[in-house]
Amino acid sequence: MVIFNRWGREVFKTTDPEVDWDGTSMDSGEPVPDGTYYYLCTVNEIRLEGIVTRELRGAITVINETRPVNTAK
C-alpha cells in the first residue's frame, strides 16, 4: 500500500498486510497535515480459480485531533 498527498508525494508505504498507518509521514515521523490523501493498494485474493490480484484506490481524510474545534455559532 502506498499513500500519497495531494501533490502525488508518497507519505507512507508498506507491504505489511496489517497496514497500520498512524497518520505520520514516513520521512519525518511527524503527523501529516489535515487533508485528503490518496491510496493505491495491491491485494491478492484467494479465489476458486486461484490467486487473483487487484488494485484498490481511494481517498483518506486526515483530521488532526489535537487542534481545537470551533463549536461557537
PDB file of N, CA and C in Angstrom:
ATOM      1  N   MET A   1       0.839  -1.164   0.000  1.00  0.00           N
ATOM      2  CA  MET A   1       0.000   0.000   0.000  1.00  0.00           C
ATOM      3  C   MET A   1       0.885   1.228   0.000  1.00  0.00           C
ATOM      4  N   VAL A   2       0.475   2.206  -0.791  1.00  0.00           N
ATOM      5  CA  VAL A   2       1.177   3.483  -0.839  1.00  0.00           C
ATOM      6  C   VAL A   2       0.140   4.580  -0.639  1.00  0.00           C
ATOM      7  N   ILE A   3       0.457   5.552   0.215  1.00  0.00           N
ATOM      8  CA  ILE A   3      -0.418   6.698   0.459  1.00  0.00           C
ATOM      9  C   ILE A   3       0.306   7.944  -0.027  1.00  0.00           C
ATOM     10  N   PHE A   4      -0.415   8.754  -0.804  1.00  0.00           N
ATOM     11  CA  PHE A   4       0.137   9.959  -1.416  1.00  0.00           C
ATOM     12  C   PHE A   4      -0.586  11.197  -0.898  1.00  0.00           C
ATOM     13  N   ASN A   5       0.139  12.323  -0.850  1.00  0.00           N
ATOM     14  CA  ASN A   5      -0.533  13.586  -0.557  1.00  0.00           C
ATOM     15  C   ASN A   5      -1.146  14.114  -1.851  1.00  0.00           C
ATOM     16  N   ARG A   6      -1.778  15.262  -1.803  1.00  0.00           N
ATOM     17  CA  ARG A   6      -2.487  15.777  -2.980  1.00  0.00           C
ATOM     18  C   ARG A   6      -1.573  16.208  -4.119  1.00  0.00           C
ATOM     19  N   TRP A   7      -0.282  16.310  -3.840  1.00  0.00           N
ATOM     20  CA  TRP A   7       0.683  16.657  -4.880  1.00  0.00           C
ATOM     21  C   TRP A   7       1.373  15.403  -5.442  1.00  0.00           C
ATOM     22  N   GLY A   8       0.943  14.238  -5.016  1.00  0.00           N
ATOM     23  CA  GLY A   8       1.485  12.995  -5.535  1.00  0.00           C
ATOM     24  C   GLY A   8       2.740  12.494  -4.843  1.00  0.00           C
ATOM     25  N   ARG A   9       3.117  13.122  -3.744  1.00  0.00           N
ATOM     26  CA  ARG A   9       4.303  12.698  -2.998  1.00  0.00           C
ATOM     27  C   ARG A   9       3.940  11.574  -2.031  1.00  0.00           C
ATOM     28  N   GLU A  10       4.732  10.518  -1.994  1.00  0.00           N
ATOM     29  CA  GLU A  10       4.490   9.412  -1.064  1.00  0.00           C
ATOM     30  C   GLU A  10       4.680   9.887   0.368  1.00  0.00           C
ATOM     31  N   VAL A  11       3.705   9.605   1.229  1.00  0.00           N
ATOM     32  CA  VAL A  11       3.855   9.923   2.648  1.00  0.00           C
ATOM     33  C   VAL A  11       3.944   8.656   3.484  1.00  0.00           C
ATOM     34  N   PHE A  12       3.527   7.507   2.902  1.00  0.00           N
ATOM     35  CA  PHE A  12       3.575   6.239   3.624  1.00  0.00           C
ATOM     36  C   PHE A  12       3.604   5.106   2.618  1.00  0.00           C
ATOM     37  N   LYS A  13       4.359   4.067   2.956  1.00  0.00           N
ATOM     38  CA  LYS A  13       4.447   2.899   2.080  1.00  0.00           C
ATOM     39  C   LYS A  13       4.686   1.669   2.943  1.00  0.00           C
ATOM     40  N   THR A  14       3.998   0.564   2.632  1.00  0.00           N
ATOM     41  CA  THR A  14       4.186  -0.666   3.388  1.00  0.00           C
ATOM     42  C   THR A  14       3.811  -1.879   2.538  1.00  0.00           C
ATOM     43  N   THR A  15       4.397  -2.998   2.882  1.00  0.00           N
ATOM     44  CA  THR A  15       3.989  -4.280   2.308  1.00  0.00           C
ATOM     45  C   THR A  15       3.331  -5.146   3.377  1.00  0.00           C
ATOM     46  N   ASP A  16       3.220  -4.622   4.586  1.00  0.00           N
ATOM     47  CA  ASP A  16       2.578  -5.326   5.704  1.00  0.00           C
ATOM     48  C   ASP A  16       1.073  -5.385   5.472  1.00  0.00           C
ATOM     49  N   PRO A  17       0.463  -6.568   5.448  1.00  0.00           N
ATOM     50  CA  PRO A  17      -0.976  -6.656   5.218  1.00  0.00           C
ATOM     51  C   PRO A  17      -1.832  -6.007   6.318  1.00  0.00           C
ATOM     52  N   GLU A  18      -1.242  -5.747   7.472  1.00  0.00           N
ATOM     53  CA  GLU A  18      -1.967  -5.078   8.560  1.00  0.00           C
ATOM     54  C   GLU A  18      -2.034  -3.562   8.349  1.00  0.00           C
ATOM     55  N   VAL A  19      -1.260  -3.030   7.425  1.00  0.00           N
ATOM     56  CA  VAL A  19      -1.146  -1.612   7.071  1.00  0.00           C
ATOM     57  C   VAL A  19      -0.771  -0.781   8.296  1.00  0.00           C
ATOM     58  N   ASP A  20      -1.698  -0.484   9.199  1.00  0.00           N
ATOM     59  CA  ASP A  20      -1.423   0.201  10.468  1.00  0.00           C
ATOM     60  C   ASP A  20      -0.761   1.569  10.306  1.00  0.00           C
ATOM     61  N   TRP A  21      -1.288   2.405   9.390  1.00  0.00           N
ATOM     62  CA  TRP A  21      -0.775   3.766   9.238  1.00  0.00           C
ATOM     63  C   TRP A  21      -1.336   4.633  10.345  1.00  0.00           C
ATOM     64  N   ASP A  22      -0.486   5.335  11.053  1.00  0.00           N
ATOM     65  CA  ASP A  22      -0.923   6.177  12.166  1.00  0.00           C
ATOM     66  C   ASP A  22      -1.019   7.650  11.797  1.00  0.00           C
ATOM     67  N   GLY A  23      -0.935   7.976  10.513  1.00  0.00           N
ATOM     68  CA  GLY A  23      -1.090   9.354  10.067  1.00  0.00           C
ATOM     69  C   GLY A  23       0.182  10.163  10.107  1.00  0.00           C
ATOM     70  N   THR A  24       1.320   9.488  10.244  1.00  0.00           N
ATOM     71  CA  THR A  24       2.586  10.210  10.248  1.00  0.00           C
ATOM     72  C   THR A  24       3.315  10.017   8.920  1.00  0.00           C
ATOM     73  N   SER A  25       4.173  10.961   8.606  1.00  0.00           N
ATOM     74  CA  SER A  25       4.984  10.896   7.393  1.00  0.00           C
ATOM     75  C   SER A  25       6.123   9.905   7.600  1.00  0.00           C
ATOM     76  N   MET A  26       6.392   9.075   6.601  1.00  0.00           N
ATOM     77  CA  MET A  26       7.489   8.108   6.724  1.00  0.00           C
ATOM     78  C   MET A  26       8.846   8.804   6.690  1.00  0.00           C
ATOM     79  N   ASP A  27       8.907  10.016   6.152  1.00  0.00           N
ATOM     80  CA  ASP A  27      10.180  10.751   6.084  1.00  0.00           C
ATOM     81  C   ASP A  27      10.528  11.422   7.403  1.00  0.00           C
ATOM     82  N   SER A  28       9.565  12.139   7.972  1.00  0.00           N
ATOM     83  CA  SER A  28       9.855  12.946   9.164  1.00  0.00           C
ATOM     84  C   SER A  28       9.375  12.312  10.466  1.00  0.00           C
ATOM     85  N   GLY A  29       8.411  11.398  10.385  1.00  0.00           N
ATOM     86  CA  GLY A  29       7.835  10.828  11.601  1.00  0.00           C
ATOM     87  C   GLY A  29       6.815  11.745  12.258  1.00  0.00           C
ATOM     88  N   GLU A  30       6.607  12.915  11.664  1.00  0.00           N
ATOM     89  CA  GLU A  30       5.651  13.897  12.179  1.00  0.00           C
ATOM     90  C   GLU A  30       4.262  13.629  11.601  1.00  0.00           C
ATOM     91  N   PRO A  31       3.205  14.020  12.320  1.00  0.00           N
ATOM     92  CA  PRO A  31       1.851  13.870  11.763  1.00  0.00           C
ATOM     93  C   PRO A  31       1.709  14.660  10.463  1.00  0.00           C
ATOM     94  N   VAL A  32       1.029  14.064   9.495  1.00  0.00           N
ATOM     95  CA  VAL A  32       0.781  14.773   8.239  1.00  0.00           C
ATOM     96  C   VAL A  32      -0.263  15.856   8.477  1.00  0.00           C
ATOM     97  N   PRO A  33      -0.267  16.915   7.673  1.00  0.00           N
ATOM     98  CA  PRO A  33      -1.279  17.961   7.814  1.00  0.00           C
ATOM     99  C   PRO A  33      -2.681  17.427   7.524  1.00  0.00           C
ATOM    100  N   ASP A  34      -3.680  18.082   8.095  1.00  0.00           N
ATOM    101  CA  ASP A  34      -5.071  17.736   7.780  1.00  0.00           C
ATOM    102  C   ASP A  34      -5.263  17.812   6.272  1.00  0.00           C
ATOM    103  N   GLY A  35      -6.087  16.941   5.760  1.00  0.00           N
ATOM    104  CA  GLY A  35      -6.370  16.983   4.338  1.00  0.00           C
ATOM    105  C   GLY A  35      -6.746  15.629   3.782  1.00  0.00           C
ATOM    106  N   THR A  36      -6.848  15.566   2.478  1.00  0.00           N
ATOM    107  CA  THR A  36      -7.211  14.343   1.785  1.00  0.00           C
ATOM    108  C   THR A  36      -5.956  13.703   1.214  1.00  0.00           C
ATOM    109  N   TYR A  37      -5.823  12.417   1.443  1.00  0.00           N
ATOM    110  CA  TYR A  37      -4.706  11.626   0.959  1.00  0.00           C
ATOM    111  C   TYR A  37      -5.265  10.494   0.113  1.00  0.00           C
ATOM    112  N   TYR A  38      -4.478  10.050  -0.828  1.00  0.00           N
ATOM    113  CA  TYR A  38      -4.937   9.032  -1.770  1.00  0.00           C
ATOM    114  C   TYR A  38      -4.108   7.773  -1.602  1.00  0.00           C
ATOM    115  N   TYR A  39      -4.760   6.628  -1.741  1.00  0.00           N
ATOM    116  CA  TYR A  39      -4.036   5.371  -1.579  1.00  0.00           C
ATOM    117  C   TYR A  39      -4.164   4.490  -2.807  1.00  0.00           C
ATOM    118  N   LEU A  40      -3.164   3.655  -2.979  1.00  0.00           N
ATOM    119  CA  LEU A  40      -3.124   2.638  -4.016  1.00  0.00           C
ATOM    120  C   LEU A  40      -2.653   1.372  -3.311  1.00  0.00           C
ATOM    121  N   CYS A  41      -3.467   0.326  -3.412  1.00  0.00           N
ATOM    122  CA  CYS A  41      -3.165  -0.900  -2.679  1.00  0.00           C
ATOM    123  C   CYS A  41      -3.338  -2.097  -3.604  1.00  0.00           C
ATOM    124  N   THR A  42      -2.326  -2.942  -3.682  1.00  0.00           N
ATOM    125  CA  THR A  42      -2.412  -4.168  -4.461  1.00  0.00           C
ATOM    126  C   THR A  42      -2.795  -5.300  -3.514  1.00  0.00           C
ATOM    127  N   VAL A  43      -3.884  -5.975  -3.838  1.00  0.00           N
ATOM    128  CA  VAL A  43      -4.430  -7.031  -2.984  1.00  0.00           C
ATOM    129  C   VAL A  43      -4.414  -8.346  -3.746  1.00  0.00           C
ATOM    130  N   ASN A  44      -3.961  -9.406  -3.084  1.00  0.00           N
ATOM    131  CA  ASN A  44      -4.016 -10.747  -3.655  1.00  0.00           C
ATOM    132  C   ASN A  44      -5.126 -11.515  -2.949  1.00  0.00           C
ATOM    133  N   GLU A  45      -6.160 -11.891  -3.709  1.00  0.00           N
ATOM    134  CA  GLU A  45      -7.301 -12.613  -3.147  1.00  0.00           C
ATOM    135  C   GLU A  45      -7.246 -14.079  -3.568  1.00  0.00           C
ATOM    136  N   ILE A  46      -7.553 -14.953  -2.633  1.00  0.00           N
ATOM    137  CA  ILE A  46      -7.621 -16.379  -2.951  1.00  0.00           C
ATOM    138  C   ILE A  46      -9.039 -16.677  -3.425  1.00  0.00           C
ATOM    139  N   ARG A  47      -9.155 -17.143  -4.653  1.00  0.00           N
ATOM    140  CA  ARG A  47     -10.442 -17.463  -5.274  1.00  0.00           C
ATOM    141  C   ARG A  47     -10.420 -18.914  -5.737  1.00  0.00           C
ATOM    142  N   LEU A  48     -11.558 -19.417  -6.169  1.00  0.00           N
ATOM    143  CA  LEU A  48     -11.627 -20.778  -6.690  1.00  0.00           C
ATOM    144  C   LEU A  48     -10.688 -20.969  -7.872  1.00  0.00           C
ATOM    145  N   GLU A  49     -10.533 -19.933  -8.698  1.00  0.00           N
ATOM    146  CA  GLU A  49      -9.656 -20.036  -9.866  1.00  0.00           C
ATOM    147  C   GLU A  49      -8.191 -19.779  -9.534  1.00  0.00           C
ATOM    148  N   GLY A  50      -7.885 -19.539  -8.282  1.00  0.00           N
ATOM    149  CA  GLY A  50      -6.507 -19.298  -7.853  1.00  0.00           C
ATOM    150  C   GLY A  50      -6.361 -17.923  -7.235  1.00  0.00           C
ATOM    151  N   ILE A  51      -5.139 -17.449  -7.169  1.00  0.00           N
ATOM    152  CA  ILE A  51      -4.870 -16.125  -6.593  1.00  0.00           C
ATOM    153  C   ILE A  51      -5.124 -15.062  -7.654  1.00  0.00           C
ATOM    154  N   VAL A  52      -5.973 -14.113  -7.297  1.00  0.00           N
ATOM    155  CA  VAL A  52      -6.327 -13.024  -8.206  1.00  0.00           C
ATOM    156  C   VAL A  52      -5.810 -11.722  -7.601  1.00  0.00           C
ATOM    157  N   THR A  53      -5.058 -10.964  -8.392  1.00  0.00           N
ATOM    158  CA  THR A  53      -4.519  -9.688  -7.945  1.00  0.00           C
ATOM    159  C   THR A  53      -5.407  -8.561  -8.451  1.00  0.00           C
ATOM    160  N   ARG A  54      -5.710  -7.611  -7.561  1.00  0.00           N
ATOM    161  CA  ARG A  54      -6.462  -6.429  -7.982  1.00  0.00           C
ATOM    162  C   ARG A  54      -5.952  -5.206  -7.242  1.00  0.00           C
ATOM    163  N   GLU A  55      -6.200  -4.051  -7.829  1.00  0.00           N
ATOM    164  CA  GLU A  55      -5.773  -2.788  -7.231  1.00  0.00           C
ATOM    165  C   GLU A  55      -6.963  -2.081  -6.602  1.00  0.00           C
ATOM    166  N   LEU A  56      -6.761  -1.611  -5.399  1.00  0.00           N
ATOM    167  CA  LEU A  56      -7.753  -0.777  -4.722  1.00  0.00           C
ATOM    168  C   LEU A  56      -7.212   0.643  -4.719  1.00  0.00           C
ATOM    169  N   ARG A  57      -8.081   1.600  -5.005  1.00  0.00           N
ATOM    170  CA  ARG A  57      -7.719   3.019  -4.993  1.00  0.00           C
ATOM    171  C   ARG A  57      -8.808   3.772  -4.243  1.00  0.00           C
ATOM    172  N   GLY A  58      -8.403   4.811  -3.555  1.00  0.00           N
ATOM    173  CA  GLY A  58      -9.399   5.603  -2.847  1.00  0.00           C
ATOM    174  C   GLY A  58      -8.763   6.773  -2.133  1.00  0.00           C
ATOM    175  N   ALA A  59      -9.542   7.378  -1.270  1.00  0.00           N
ATOM    176  CA  ALA A  59      -9.101   8.567  -0.536  1.00  0.00           C
ATOM    177  C   ALA A  59      -9.287   8.370   0.960  1.00  0.00           C
ATOM    178  N   ILE A  60      -8.424   9.015   1.717  1.00  0.00           N
ATOM    179  CA  ILE A  60      -8.472   9.018   3.176  1.00  0.00           C
ATOM    180  C   ILE A  60      -8.454  10.475   3.612  1.00  0.00           C
ATOM    181  N   THR A  61      -9.331  10.850   4.518  1.00  0.00           N
ATOM    182  CA  THR A  61      -9.317  12.204   5.066  1.00  0.00           C
ATOM    183  C   THR A  61      -8.685  12.163   6.448  1.00  0.00           C
ATOM    184  N   VAL A  62      -7.657  12.968   6.640  1.00  0.00           N
ATOM    185  CA  VAL A  62      -6.959  13.045   7.922  1.00  0.00           C
ATOM    186  C   VAL A  62      -7.408  14.312   8.633  1.00  0.00           C
ATOM    187  N   ILE A  63      -7.860  14.138   9.869  1.00  0.00           N
ATOM    188  CA  ILE A  63      -8.247  15.269  10.718  1.00  0.00           C
ATOM    189  C   ILE A  63      -7.455  15.133  12.005  1.00  0.00           C
ATOM    190  N   ASN A  64      -6.630  16.101  12.287  1.00  0.00           N
ATOM    191  CA  ASN A  64      -5.773  16.080  13.463  1.00  0.00           C
ATOM    192  C   ASN A  64      -6.609  16.379  14.701  1.00  0.00           C
ATOM    193  N   GLU A  65      -6.643  15.452  15.637  1.00  0.00           N
ATOM    194  CA  GLU A  65      -7.459  15.596  16.853  1.00  0.00           C
ATOM    195  C   GLU A  65      -6.886  16.593  17.846  1.00  0.00           C
ATOM    196  N   THR A  66      -5.627  16.950  17.709  1.00  0.00           N
ATOM    197  CA  THR A  66      -5.012  17.830  18.703  1.00  0.00           C
ATOM    198  C   THR A  66      -5.370  19.290  18.500  1.00  0.00           C
ATOM    199  N   ARG A  67      -5.922  19.614  17.344  1.00  0.00           N
ATOM    200  CA  ARG A  67      -6.318  21.000  17.097  1.00  0.00           C
ATOM    201  C   ARG A  67      -7.695  21.265  17.702  1.00  0.00           C
ATOM    202  N   PRO A  68      -7.873  22.426  18.309  1.00  0.00           N
ATOM    203  CA  PRO A  68      -9.179  22.726  18.891  1.00  0.00           C
ATOM    204  C   PRO A  68     -10.251  22.889  17.808  1.00  0.00           C
ATOM    205  N   VAL A  69     -11.433  22.418  18.126  1.00  0.00           N
ATOM    206  CA  VAL A  69     -12.560  22.533  17.202  1.00  0.00           C
ATOM    207  C   VAL A  69     -13.397  23.712  17.629  1.00  0.00           C
ATOM    208  N   ASN A  70     -13.733  24.613  16.694  1.00  0.00           N
ATOM    209  CA  ASN A  70     -14.538  25.784  16.987  1.00  0.00           C
ATOM    210  C   ASN A  70     -16.012  25.381  16.968  1.00  0.00           C
ATOM    211  N   THR A  71     -16.632  25.375  18.146  1.00  0.00           N
ATOM    212  CA  THR A  71     -18.035  24.987  18.246  1.00  0.00           C
ATOM    213  C   THR A  71     -18.957  26.199  18.427  1.00  0.00           C
ATOM    214  N   ALA A  72     -18.374  27.399  18.420  1.00  0.00           N
ATOM    215  CA  ALA A  72     -19.180  28.620  18.577  1.00  0.00           C
ATOM    216  C   ALA A  72     -20.059  28.820  17.344  1.00  0.00           C
ATOM    217  N   LYS A  73     -21.260  29.315  17.592  1.00  0.00           N
ATOM    218  CA  LYS A  73     -22.182  29.562  16.473  1.00  0.00           C
ATOM    219  C   LYS A  73     -22.563  31.000  16.410  1.00  0.00           C
TER     220      LYS A  73
END
